[in-house]
Amino acid sequence: MRLADGRYLPVERATMHATTGSGPGGQHRNRSQTRVELRLPLAIMGLTPAELDRIRALLHQRIVDDELVVRAGEQRSQYQNRVAAEERMVKLVDGALRREPHRVPTRPTRGSQERRLDEKHRQAKRKQDRRTAFDD
């Protein structure tokens, strides 16, 4: 499957393990092995060492024995769960590799500074007008 930057992630080379799902669903849920676990070794992802380090750092809770592990069991079909797990895997890798653009700090415009100060003066005048004068 394709990553957002156009590179190819070989999810079809991931090993699949099917198990019975958990939760409600009755006999079908308890007997059918529709829940899917995909394991994709980090070594075959085709990423640079820096990118692999970033994935290891950001997805450390999903990495077991240097393999990215993704599970899906929401659908009734094993095939649909496999597709969902593959899509989830691509989304996770995309999210880990995406870098936020560097923010260039900006300064407030002169007009916005003047409006802010004018409002402060108006508010101070309003509060000053509320005070009662003490006549001794």
Protein backbone atom coordinates (compact mmCIF):
# COMPACT_ATOMS: atom_id res chain seq x y z
CA MET A 1 0.00 0.00 0.00
CA ARG A 2 1.13 3.54 -0.66
CA LEU A 3 2.26 5.97 2.00
CA ALA A 4 1.31 9.64 1.80
CA ASP A 5 4.71 10.56 0.36
CA GLY A 6 4.29 8.05 -2.51
CA ARG A 7 6.54 5.29 -1.18
CA TYR A 8 5.33 1.71 -1.02
CA LEU A 9 4.81 -0.14 2.26
CA PRO A 10 4.88 -3.93 1.68
CA VAL A 11 1.92 -4.85 3.90
CA GLU A 12 1.23 -7.96 1.81
CA ARG A 13 4.48 -9.39 3.24
CA ALA A 14 3.13 -9.02 6.77
CA THR A 15 2.37 -12.25 8.58
CA MET A 16 -1.27 -12.71 9.51
CA HIS A 17 -2.63 -14.54 12.49
CA ALA A 18 -6.39 -15.01 12.89
CA THR A 19 -8.12 -15.55 16.23
CA THR A 20 -11.65 -15.56 17.56
CA GLY A 21 -12.96 -12.13 18.39
CA SER A 22 -14.04 -10.93 21.79
CA GLY A 23 -17.16 -9.16 22.95
CA PRO A 24 -20.80 -9.60 21.96
CA GLY A 25 -21.82 -11.48 18.85
CA GLY A 26 -22.89 -14.91 19.96
CA GLN A 27 -21.83 -18.16 18.37
CA HIS A 28 -20.42 -16.61 15.21
CA ARG A 29 -18.12 -14.37 17.23
CA ASN A 30 -17.08 -17.17 19.58
CA ARG A 31 -16.32 -19.78 16.89
CA SER A 32 -15.17 -17.91 13.78
CA GLN A 33 -11.59 -16.78 13.55
CA THR A 34 -12.25 -13.35 12.12
CA ARG A 35 -10.02 -11.17 14.31
CA VAL A 36 -6.75 -10.46 12.49
CA GLU A 37 -3.29 -9.62 13.79
CA LEU A 38 -0.74 -8.37 11.25
CA ARG A 39 2.99 -8.33 11.99
CA LEU A 40 5.32 -6.44 9.66
CA PRO A 41 9.05 -6.58 10.39
CA LEU A 42 10.60 -3.12 10.48
CA ALA A 43 13.56 -4.38 8.45
CA ILE A 44 11.47 -4.97 5.30
CA MET A 45 9.69 -1.62 5.38
CA GLY A 46 12.33 -0.02 3.17
CA LEU A 47 12.81 3.04 5.38
CA THR A 48 15.97 4.92 6.30
CA PRO A 49 17.59 4.29 9.70
CA ALA A 50 16.45 7.73 10.91
CA GLU A 51 12.85 6.96 9.91
CA LEU A 52 13.01 3.57 11.61
CA ASP A 53 14.28 5.23 14.79
CA ARG A 54 11.37 7.67 14.61
CA ILE A 55 8.88 4.81 14.18
CA ARG A 56 10.46 2.91 17.07
CA ALA A 57 10.17 5.99 19.28
CA LEU A 58 6.61 7.00 18.34
CA LEU A 59 5.06 3.53 17.95
CA HIS A 60 7.01 1.74 20.68
CA GLN A 61 3.80 0.40 22.27
CA ARG A 62 2.94 -1.40 18.99
CA ILE A 63 6.38 -2.87 18.29
CA VAL A 64 7.09 -6.40 19.50
CA ASP A 65 10.30 -8.24 18.55
CA ASP A 66 11.13 -5.47 16.03
CA GLU A 67 7.82 -6.00 14.24
CA LEU A 68 4.95 -3.54 13.94
CA VAL A 69 1.81 -5.27 15.28
CA VAL A 70 -1.70 -4.15 14.30
CA ARG A 71 -4.97 -5.85 15.20
CA ALA A 72 -8.46 -5.52 13.74
CA GLY A 73 -11.60 -7.34 14.74
CA GLU A 74 -14.47 -4.95 14.18
CA GLN A 75 -15.89 -6.64 11.07
CA ARG A 76 -17.57 -10.04 10.78
CA SER A 77 -15.31 -11.11 7.93
CA GLN A 78 -11.66 -12.09 8.23
CA TYR A 79 -10.95 -10.48 4.84
CA GLN A 80 -12.53 -7.17 5.88
CA ASN A 81 -10.52 -7.22 9.10
CA ARG A 82 -7.32 -7.87 7.13
CA VAL A 83 -8.04 -4.87 4.90
CA ALA A 84 -8.83 -2.75 7.96
CA ALA A 85 -5.57 -3.83 9.66
CA GLU A 86 -3.53 -3.02 6.52
CA GLU A 87 -5.11 0.42 6.28
CA ARG A 88 -4.51 1.00 9.99
CA MET A 89 -0.86 -0.01 9.58
CA VAL A 90 -0.33 2.43 6.70
CA LYS A 91 -2.05 5.19 8.67
CA LEU A 92 0.17 4.57 11.71
CA VAL A 93 3.37 4.61 9.66
CA ASP A 94 2.24 7.74 7.80
CA GLY A 95 1.47 9.50 11.07
CA ALA A 96 4.82 8.55 12.56
CA LEU A 97 6.77 9.76 9.51
CA ARG A 98 4.86 13.03 9.10
CA ARG A 99 6.71 16.05 10.39
CA GLU A 100 4.97 19.24 11.33
CA PRO A 101 6.13 22.23 9.31
CA HIS A 102 8.37 24.67 11.15
CA ARG A 103 6.30 27.56 12.43
CA VAL A 104 7.69 30.98 11.61
CA PRO A 105 6.78 33.25 14.52
CA THR A 106 4.95 36.42 13.52
CA ARG A 107 4.57 39.74 15.27
CA PRO A 108 1.29 41.51 15.90
CA THR A 109 0.48 44.24 13.40
CA ARG A 110 0.54 47.87 14.40
CA GLY A 111 -3.23 48.10 13.94
CA SER A 112 -3.89 45.14 16.23
CA GLN A 113 -1.59 46.60 18.89
CA GLU A 114 -3.40 49.94 18.70
CA ARG A 115 -6.82 48.27 18.90
CA ARG A 116 -5.72 46.28 21.95
CA LEU A 117 -4.41 49.39 23.71
CA ASP A 118 -7.53 51.40 22.81
CA GLU A 119 -9.71 48.67 24.31
CA LYS A 120 -7.56 48.62 27.45
CA HIS A 121 -7.94 52.40 27.82
CA ARG A 122 -11.71 52.17 27.26
CA GLN A 123 -12.02 49.43 29.87
CA ALA A 124 -9.90 51.39 32.39
CA LYS A 125 -12.04 54.50 31.81
CA ARG A 126 -15.22 52.47 32.27
CA LYS A 127 -14.00 51.10 35.60
CA GLN A 128 -12.77 54.52 36.71
CA ASP A 129 -16.19 56.01 36.01
CA ARG A 130 -17.80 53.40 38.28
CA ARG A 131 -15.84 54.48 41.32
CA THR A 132 -17.55 56.58 43.89
CA ALA A 133 -15.89 59.81 44.95
CA PHE A 134 -15.25 60.23 48.67
CA ASP A 135 -16.34 63.66 49.94
CA ASP A 136 -14.65 64.47 53.27
